[in-house]
Full PDB file with SEQRES, HELIX, SHEET, SSBOND, CRYST1, ORIGX, SCALE, CONECT and MASTER records, all heavy atoms in Angstrom:
SEQRES   1 A   33  LEU PHE PHE LEU LEU LEU ILE PRO SER GLY ALA PHE ALA          
SEQRES   2 A   33  GLN SER CYS ALA ALA ASN PRO VAL ALA VAL GLN ILE LEU          
SEQRES   3 A   33  GLY SER GLY GLY PRO ALA ILE                                  
HELIX    1 AA1 PHE A    2  LEU A    6  1                                   5    
HELIX    2 AA2 SER A    9  ALA A   11  5                                   3    
CRYST1    1.000    1.000    1.000  90.00  90.00  90.00 P 1           1          
ORIGX1      1.000000  0.000000  0.000000        0.00000                         
ORIGX2      0.000000  1.000000  0.000000        0.00000                         
ORIGX3      0.000000  0.000000  1.000000        0.00000                         
SCALE1      1.000000  0.000000  0.000000        0.00000                         
SCALE2      0.000000  1.000000  0.000000        0.00000                         
SCALE3      0.000000  0.000000  1.000000        0.00000                         
ATOM      1  N   LEU A   1      17.692  -4.375  -6.907  1.00  0.00           N  
ATOM      2  CA  LEU A   1      16.698  -5.457  -6.643  1.00  0.00           C  
ATOM      3  C   LEU A   1      16.815  -5.842  -5.169  1.00  0.00           C  
ATOM      4  O   LEU A   1      15.818  -6.045  -4.450  1.00  0.00           O  
ATOM      5  CB  LEU A   1      17.164  -6.681  -7.498  1.00  0.00           C  
ATOM      6  CG  LEU A   1      16.720  -6.631  -8.972  1.00  0.00           C  
ATOM      7  CD1 LEU A   1      17.285  -7.910  -9.744  1.00  0.00           C  
ATOM      8  CD2 LEU A   1      15.244  -6.493  -9.217  1.00  0.00           C  
ATOM      9  N   PHE A   2      18.073  -5.802  -4.677  1.00  0.00           N  
ATOM     10  CA  PHE A   2      18.120  -6.040  -3.314  1.00  0.00           C  
ATOM     11  C   PHE A   2      17.458  -4.999  -2.368  1.00  0.00           C  
ATOM     12  O   PHE A   2      16.853  -5.181  -1.351  1.00  0.00           O  
ATOM     13  CB  PHE A   2      19.755  -6.054  -2.844  1.00  0.00           C  
ATOM     14  CG  PHE A   2      19.971  -6.296  -1.360  1.00  0.00           C  
ATOM     15  CD1 PHE A   2      19.774  -7.553  -0.774  1.00  0.00           C  
ATOM     16  CD2 PHE A   2      20.362  -5.218  -0.557  1.00  0.00           C  
ATOM     17  CE1 PHE A   2      19.989  -7.712   0.618  1.00  0.00           C  
ATOM     18  CE2 PHE A   2      20.591  -5.373   0.806  1.00  0.00           C  
ATOM     19  CZ  PHE A   2      20.403  -6.722   1.314  1.00  0.00           C  
ATOM     20  N   PHE A   3      17.538  -3.618  -2.815  1.00  0.00           N  
ATOM     21  CA  PHE A   3      16.864  -2.595  -2.209  1.00  0.00           C  
ATOM     22  C   PHE A   3      15.352  -2.838  -2.241  1.00  0.00           C  
ATOM     23  O   PHE A   3      14.723  -2.524  -1.158  1.00  0.00           O  
ATOM     24  CB  PHE A   3      17.281  -1.160  -2.809  1.00  0.00           C  
ATOM     25  CG  PHE A   3      16.483  -0.095  -2.305  1.00  0.00           C  
ATOM     26  CD1 PHE A   3      16.690   0.479  -1.098  1.00  0.00           C  
ATOM     27  CD2 PHE A   3      15.462   0.464  -3.151  1.00  0.00           C  
ATOM     28  CE1 PHE A   3      16.030   1.554  -0.606  1.00  0.00           C  
ATOM     29  CE2 PHE A   3      14.688   1.575  -2.619  1.00  0.00           C  
ATOM     30  CZ  PHE A   3      15.060   2.104  -1.379  1.00  0.00           C  
ATOM     31  N   LEU A   4      14.796  -3.253  -3.352  1.00  0.00           N  
ATOM     32  CA  LEU A   4      13.350  -3.394  -3.373  1.00  0.00           C  
ATOM     33  C   LEU A   4      12.893  -4.525  -2.468  1.00  0.00           C  
ATOM     34  O   LEU A   4      11.869  -4.498  -1.876  1.00  0.00           O  
ATOM     35  CB  LEU A   4      12.981  -3.828  -4.867  1.00  0.00           C  
ATOM     36  CG  LEU A   4      13.137  -2.721  -5.972  1.00  0.00           C  
ATOM     37  CD1 LEU A   4      12.760  -3.214  -7.243  1.00  0.00           C  
ATOM     38  CD2 LEU A   4      12.095  -1.558  -5.519  1.00  0.00           C  
ATOM     39  N   LEU A   5      13.745  -5.564  -2.259  1.00  0.00           N  
ATOM     40  CA  LEU A   5      13.439  -6.677  -1.328  1.00  0.00           C  
ATOM     41  C   LEU A   5      13.261  -6.156   0.119  1.00  0.00           C  
ATOM     42  O   LEU A   5      12.651  -6.789   0.867  1.00  0.00           O  
ATOM     43  CB  LEU A   5      14.423  -7.854  -1.550  1.00  0.00           C  
ATOM     44  CG  LEU A   5      14.330  -8.619  -2.805  1.00  0.00           C  
ATOM     45  CD1 LEU A   5      15.463  -9.572  -2.897  1.00  0.00           C  
ATOM     46  CD2 LEU A   5      12.982  -9.211  -2.971  1.00  0.00           C  
ATOM     47  N   LEU A   6      13.950  -5.095   0.404  1.00  0.00           N  
ATOM     48  CA  LEU A   6      13.933  -4.673   1.690  1.00  0.00           C  
ATOM     49  C   LEU A   6      12.770  -3.801   2.042  1.00  0.00           C  
ATOM     50  O   LEU A   6      12.438  -3.507   3.340  1.00  0.00           O  
ATOM     51  CB  LEU A   6      15.266  -3.843   2.015  1.00  0.00           C  
ATOM     52  CG  LEU A   6      16.581  -4.540   2.057  1.00  0.00           C  
ATOM     53  CD1 LEU A   6      17.696  -3.626   2.301  1.00  0.00           C  
ATOM     54  CD2 LEU A   6      16.667  -5.665   3.050  1.00  0.00           C  
ATOM     55  N   ILE A   7      12.060  -3.418   1.015  1.00  0.00           N  
ATOM     56  CA  ILE A   7      10.963  -2.417   1.214  1.00  0.00           C  
ATOM     57  C   ILE A   7       9.617  -3.237   1.362  1.00  0.00           C  
ATOM     58  O   ILE A   7       9.402  -4.141   0.619  1.00  0.00           O  
ATOM     59  CB  ILE A   7      10.740  -1.487   0.099  1.00  0.00           C  
ATOM     60  CG1 ILE A   7      11.922  -0.683  -0.110  1.00  0.00           C  
ATOM     61  CG2 ILE A   7       9.509  -0.553   0.120  1.00  0.00           C  
ATOM     62  CD1 ILE A   7      12.028   0.301  -1.285  1.00  0.00           C  
ATOM     63  N   PRO A   8       8.846  -2.970   2.467  1.00  0.00           N  
ATOM     64  CA  PRO A   8       7.632  -3.710   2.662  1.00  0.00           C  
ATOM     65  C   PRO A   8       6.707  -3.533   1.422  1.00  0.00           C  
ATOM     66  O   PRO A   8       6.678  -2.525   0.781  1.00  0.00           O  
ATOM     67  CB  PRO A   8       7.026  -3.076   3.900  1.00  0.00           C  
ATOM     68  CG  PRO A   8       8.162  -2.513   4.637  1.00  0.00           C  
ATOM     69  CD  PRO A   8       9.130  -2.069   3.568  1.00  0.00           C  
ATOM     70  N   SER A   9       5.953  -4.620   1.112  1.00  0.00           N  
ATOM     71  CA  SER A   9       5.120  -4.684  -0.073  1.00  0.00           C  
ATOM     72  C   SER A   9       4.170  -3.533  -0.204  1.00  0.00           C  
ATOM     73  O   SER A   9       3.758  -3.187  -1.250  1.00  0.00           O  
ATOM     74  CB  SER A   9       4.369  -6.044  -0.166  1.00  0.00           C  
ATOM     75  OG  SER A   9       3.623  -6.211   0.950  1.00  0.00           O  
ATOM     76  N   GLY A  10       3.728  -2.988   0.922  1.00  0.00           N  
ATOM     77  CA  GLY A  10       2.700  -1.842   0.907  1.00  0.00           C  
ATOM     78  C   GLY A  10       3.295  -0.471   0.769  1.00  0.00           C  
ATOM     79  O   GLY A  10       2.551   0.464   0.853  1.00  0.00           O  
ATOM     80  N   ALA A  11       4.580  -0.419   0.517  1.00  0.00           N  
ATOM     81  CA  ALA A  11       5.261   0.965   0.581  1.00  0.00           C  
ATOM     82  C   ALA A  11       5.046   1.795  -0.551  1.00  0.00           C  
ATOM     83  O   ALA A  11       5.257   3.039  -0.565  1.00  0.00           O  
ATOM     84  CB  ALA A  11       6.754   0.689   0.773  1.00  0.00           C  
ATOM     85  N   PHE A  12       4.539   1.203  -1.716  1.00  0.00           N  
ATOM     86  CA  PHE A  12       4.388   2.004  -2.948  1.00  0.00           C  
ATOM     87  C   PHE A  12       2.733   2.177  -3.048  1.00  0.00           C  
ATOM     88  O   PHE A  12       2.078   1.272  -3.257  1.00  0.00           O  
ATOM     89  CB  PHE A  12       4.793   1.347  -4.110  1.00  0.00           C  
ATOM     90  CG  PHE A  12       6.204   1.274  -4.140  1.00  0.00           C  
ATOM     91  CD1 PHE A  12       7.033  -0.012  -3.855  1.00  0.00           C  
ATOM     92  CD2 PHE A  12       7.082   2.413  -4.306  1.00  0.00           C  
ATOM     93  CE1 PHE A  12       8.348  -0.129  -3.754  1.00  0.00           C  
ATOM     94  CE2 PHE A  12       8.518   2.325  -4.295  1.00  0.00           C  
ATOM     95  CZ  PHE A  12       9.131   1.157  -4.000  1.00  0.00           C  
ATOM     96  N   ALA A  13       2.261   3.426  -3.004  1.00  0.00           N  
ATOM     97  CA  ALA A  13       0.913   3.728  -3.038  1.00  0.00           C  
ATOM     98  C   ALA A  13       0.377   3.585  -4.491  1.00  0.00           C  
ATOM     99  O   ALA A  13       1.042   4.063  -5.495  1.00  0.00           O  
ATOM    100  CB  ALA A  13       0.660   5.166  -2.534  1.00  0.00           C  
ATOM    101  N   GLN A  14      -0.822   3.017  -4.689  1.00  0.00           N  
ATOM    102  CA  GLN A  14      -1.550   3.123  -6.007  1.00  0.00           C  
ATOM    103  C   GLN A  14      -2.210   4.419  -6.026  1.00  0.00           C  
ATOM    104  O   GLN A  14      -2.746   4.924  -4.984  1.00  0.00           O  
ATOM    105  CB  GLN A  14      -2.380   1.985  -6.135  1.00  0.00           C  
ATOM    106  CG  GLN A  14      -1.784   0.633  -6.069  1.00  0.00           C  
ATOM    107  CD  GLN A  14      -2.717  -0.621  -6.233  1.00  0.00           C  
ATOM    108  OE1 GLN A  14      -3.807  -0.419  -6.805  1.00  0.00           O  
ATOM    109  NE2 GLN A  14      -2.379  -1.710  -5.636  1.00  0.00           N  
ATOM    110  N   SER A  15      -2.259   5.083  -7.210  1.00  0.00           N  
ATOM    111  CA  SER A  15      -2.994   6.417  -7.271  1.00  0.00           C  
ATOM    112  C   SER A  15      -4.448   6.109  -7.305  1.00  0.00           C  
ATOM    113  O   SER A  15      -5.063   5.355  -7.937  1.00  0.00           O  
ATOM    114  CB  SER A  15      -2.640   7.102  -8.694  1.00  0.00           C  
ATOM    115  OG  SER A  15      -3.452   8.131  -8.790  1.00  0.00           O  
ATOM    116  N   CYS A  16      -5.114   6.825  -6.288  1.00  0.00           N  
ATOM    117  CA  CYS A  16      -6.647   6.807  -6.256  1.00  0.00           C  
ATOM    118  C   CYS A  16      -7.302   8.031  -6.902  1.00  0.00           C  
ATOM    119  O   CYS A  16      -8.499   8.009  -7.079  1.00  0.00           O  
ATOM    120  CB  CYS A  16      -7.037   6.664  -4.811  1.00  0.00           C  
ATOM    121  SG  CYS A  16      -6.975   4.969  -4.244  1.00  0.00           S  
ATOM    122  N   ALA A  17      -6.497   9.075  -7.146  1.00  0.00           N  
ATOM    123  CA  ALA A  17      -7.129  10.289  -7.516  1.00  0.00           C  
ATOM    124  C   ALA A  17      -7.734  10.327  -8.839  1.00  0.00           C  
ATOM    125  O   ALA A  17      -8.494  11.093  -9.289  1.00  0.00           O  
ATOM    126  CB  ALA A  17      -6.134  11.556  -7.386  1.00  0.00           C  
ATOM    127  N   ALA A  18      -7.358   9.326  -9.767  1.00  0.00           N  
ATOM    128  CA  ALA A  18      -7.786   9.348 -11.103  1.00  0.00           C  
ATOM    129  C   ALA A  18      -9.220   8.609 -11.234  1.00  0.00           C  
ATOM    130  O   ALA A  18      -9.754   8.600 -12.332  1.00  0.00           O  
ATOM    131  CB  ALA A  18      -6.784   8.582 -12.035  1.00  0.00           C  
ATOM    132  N   ASN A  19      -9.806   8.113 -10.241  1.00  0.00           N  
ATOM    133  CA  ASN A  19     -10.987   7.277 -10.256  1.00  0.00           C  
ATOM    134  C   ASN A  19     -12.151   8.303  -9.772  1.00  0.00           C  
ATOM    135  O   ASN A  19     -11.966   9.173  -8.896  1.00  0.00           O  
ATOM    136  CB  ASN A  19     -10.951   6.143  -9.400  1.00  0.00           C  
ATOM    137  CG  ASN A  19      -9.865   5.183  -9.741  1.00  0.00           C  
ATOM    138  OD1 ASN A  19      -9.852   4.535 -10.813  1.00  0.00           O  
ATOM    139  ND2 ASN A  19      -8.845   5.063  -8.823  1.00  0.00           N  
ATOM    140  N   PRO A  20     -13.382   8.026 -10.384  1.00  0.00           N  
ATOM    141  CA  PRO A  20     -14.525   8.784  -9.952  1.00  0.00           C  
ATOM    142  C   PRO A  20     -14.764   8.406  -8.480  1.00  0.00           C  
ATOM    143  O   PRO A  20     -15.034   9.487  -7.682  1.00  0.00           O  
ATOM    144  CB  PRO A  20     -15.742   8.217 -10.836  1.00  0.00           C  
ATOM    145  CG  PRO A  20     -15.007   7.687 -12.004  1.00  0.00           C  
ATOM    146  CD  PRO A  20     -13.710   7.224 -11.642  1.00  0.00           C  
ATOM    147  N   VAL A  21     -14.823   7.294  -8.073  1.00  0.00           N  
ATOM    148  CA  VAL A  21     -14.901   6.787  -6.613  1.00  0.00           C  
ATOM    149  C   VAL A  21     -14.064   5.663  -6.432  1.00  0.00           C  
ATOM    150  O   VAL A  21     -13.990   4.776  -7.312  1.00  0.00           O  
ATOM    151  CB  VAL A  21     -16.335   6.513  -6.263  1.00  0.00           C  
ATOM    152  CG1 VAL A  21     -16.398   6.182  -4.752  1.00  0.00           C  
ATOM    153  CG2 VAL A  21     -17.272   7.635  -6.571  1.00  0.00           C  
ATOM    154  N   ALA A  22     -13.325   5.670  -5.278  1.00  0.00           N  
ATOM    155  CA  ALA A  22     -12.338   4.562  -5.138  1.00  0.00           C  
ATOM    156  C   ALA A  22     -12.187   4.325  -3.667  1.00  0.00           C  
ATOM    157  O   ALA A  22     -12.241   5.219  -2.819  1.00  0.00           O  
ATOM    158  CB  ALA A  22     -10.979   4.774  -5.763  1.00  0.00           C  
ATOM    159  N   VAL A  23     -11.978   3.099  -3.155  1.00  0.00           N  
ATOM    160  CA  VAL A  23     -11.584   2.733  -1.766  1.00  0.00           C  
ATOM    161  C   VAL A  23     -10.122   2.470  -1.743  1.00  0.00           C  
ATOM    162  O   VAL A  23      -9.596   1.719  -2.566  1.00  0.00           O  
ATOM    163  CB  VAL A  23     -12.370   1.384  -1.451  1.00  0.00           C  
ATOM    164  CG1 VAL A  23     -11.878   0.954  -0.053  1.00  0.00           C  
ATOM    165  CG2 VAL A  23     -13.766   1.557  -1.450  1.00  0.00           C  
ATOM    166  N   GLN A  24      -9.441   3.111  -0.794  1.00  0.00           N  
ATOM    167  CA  GLN A  24      -8.032   2.886  -0.581  1.00  0.00           C  
ATOM    168  C   GLN A  24      -7.849   2.327   0.858  1.00  0.00           C  
ATOM    169  O   GLN A  24      -8.377   2.884   1.773  1.00  0.00           O  
ATOM    170  CB  GLN A  24      -7.089   4.143  -0.726  1.00  0.00           C  
ATOM    171  CG  GLN A  24      -5.726   3.878  -0.682  1.00  0.00           C  
ATOM    172  CD  GLN A  24      -4.782   4.881  -1.115  1.00  0.00           C  
ATOM    173  OE1 GLN A  24      -5.174   6.054  -0.993  1.00  0.00           O  
ATOM    174  NE2 GLN A  24      -3.643   4.615  -1.653  1.00  0.00           N  
ATOM    175  N   ILE A  25      -7.104   1.237   0.951  1.00  0.00           N  
ATOM    176  CA  ILE A  25      -6.672   0.603   2.276  1.00  0.00           C  
ATOM    177  C   ILE A  25      -5.537   1.207   2.686  1.00  0.00           C  
ATOM    178  O   ILE A  25      -4.587   1.302   2.088  1.00  0.00           O  
ATOM    179  CB  ILE A  25      -6.642  -0.843   2.001  1.00  0.00           C  
ATOM    180  CG1 ILE A  25      -7.971  -1.593   1.617  1.00  0.00           C  
ATOM    181  CG2 ILE A  25      -6.137  -1.444   3.425  1.00  0.00           C  
ATOM    182  CD1 ILE A  25      -7.690  -3.049   1.396  1.00  0.00           C  
ATOM    183  N   LEU A  26      -5.631   1.902   3.842  1.00  0.00           N  
ATOM    184  CA  LEU A  26      -4.381   2.380   4.532  1.00  0.00           C  
ATOM    185  C   LEU A  26      -3.811   1.354   5.385  1.00  0.00           C  
ATOM    186  O   LEU A  26      -2.579   1.339   5.335  1.00  0.00           O  
ATOM    187  CB  LEU A  26      -4.723   3.699   5.341  1.00  0.00           C  
ATOM    188  CG  LEU A  26      -5.257   4.898   4.543  1.00  0.00           C  
ATOM    189  CD1 LEU A  26      -5.440   6.060   5.485  1.00  0.00           C  
ATOM    190  CD2 LEU A  26      -4.371   5.214   3.408  1.00  0.00           C  
ATOM    191  N   GLY A  27      -4.661   0.596   6.094  1.00  0.00           N  
ATOM    192  CA  GLY A  27      -4.101  -0.463   7.023  1.00  0.00           C  
ATOM    193  C   GLY A  27      -4.994  -1.673   6.813  1.00  0.00           C  
ATOM    194  O   GLY A  27      -6.219  -1.725   6.980  1.00  0.00           O  
ATOM    195  N   SER A  28      -4.274  -2.772   6.367  1.00  0.00           N  
ATOM    196  CA  SER A  28      -5.050  -4.023   6.012  1.00  0.00           C  
ATOM    197  C   SER A  28      -4.808  -5.197   7.012  1.00  0.00           C  
ATOM    198  O   SER A  28      -5.251  -6.166   6.956  1.00  0.00           O  
ATOM    199  CB  SER A  28      -4.539  -4.541   4.687  1.00  0.00           C  
ATOM    200  OG  SER A  28      -3.219  -4.816   4.716  1.00  0.00           O  
ATOM    201  N   GLY A  29      -4.108  -4.735   8.155  1.00  0.00           N  
ATOM    202  CA  GLY A  29      -3.833  -5.716   9.184  1.00  0.00           C  
ATOM    203  C   GLY A  29      -4.674  -5.607  10.440  1.00  0.00           C  
ATOM    204  O   GLY A  29      -5.559  -4.737  10.558  1.00  0.00           O  
ATOM    205  N   GLY A  30      -4.414  -6.474  11.473  1.00  0.00           N  
ATOM    206  CA  GLY A  30      -5.186  -6.367  12.731  1.00  0.00           C  
ATOM    207  C   GLY A  30      -4.220  -5.934  13.861  1.00  0.00           C  
ATOM    208  O   GLY A  30      -3.234  -5.097  13.541  1.00  0.00           O  
ATOM    209  N   PRO A  31      -4.430  -6.249  15.012  1.00  0.00           N  
ATOM    210  CA  PRO A  31      -3.728  -5.820  16.108  1.00  0.00           C  
ATOM    211  C   PRO A  31      -2.254  -6.318  16.252  1.00  0.00           C  
ATOM    212  O   PRO A  31      -1.331  -5.776  16.938  1.00  0.00           O  
ATOM    213  CB  PRO A  31      -4.486  -6.284  17.404  1.00  0.00           C  
ATOM    214  CG  PRO A  31      -5.293  -7.400  16.901  1.00  0.00           C  
ATOM    215  CD  PRO A  31      -5.616  -7.199  15.508  1.00  0.00           C  
ATOM    216  N   ALA A  32      -2.022  -7.534  15.678  1.00  0.00           N  
ATOM    217  CA  ALA A  32      -0.641  -8.063  15.789  1.00  0.00           C  
ATOM    218  C   ALA A  32       0.317  -7.405  14.919  1.00  0.00           C  
ATOM    219  O   ALA A  32      -0.004  -6.839  13.863  1.00  0.00           O  
ATOM    220  CB  ALA A  32      -0.634  -9.641  15.346  1.00  0.00           C  
ATOM    221  N   ILE A  33       1.614  -7.480  15.369  1.00  0.00           N  
ATOM    222  CA  ILE A  33       2.684  -6.753  14.675  1.00  0.00           C  
ATOM    223  C   ILE A  33       2.854  -7.432  13.302  1.00  0.00           C  
ATOM    224  O   ILE A  33       2.959  -8.641  13.189  1.00  0.00           O  
ATOM    225  CB  ILE A  33       4.005  -6.766  15.458  1.00  0.00           C  
ATOM    226  CG1 ILE A  33       3.833  -5.931  16.706  1.00  0.00           C  
ATOM    227  CG2 ILE A  33       5.212  -6.393  14.595  1.00  0.00           C  
ATOM    228  CD1 ILE A  33       5.090  -6.036  17.637  1.00  0.00           C  
TER     229      ILE A  33                                                      
MASTER        0    0    0    2    0    0    0    6  228    1    0    3          
END                                                                             
C-alpha cells in the first residue's frame, strides 16, 4: 500500500485497444510542473 501511494495516479494505463474507437489522454496537464 505504501508503494502504491508513491506512484502518481496516472501511472497505470487503461486499455484502449478493446474499443472500436477510443480517446486516450497521454497528458492532461498544462505548462506548470
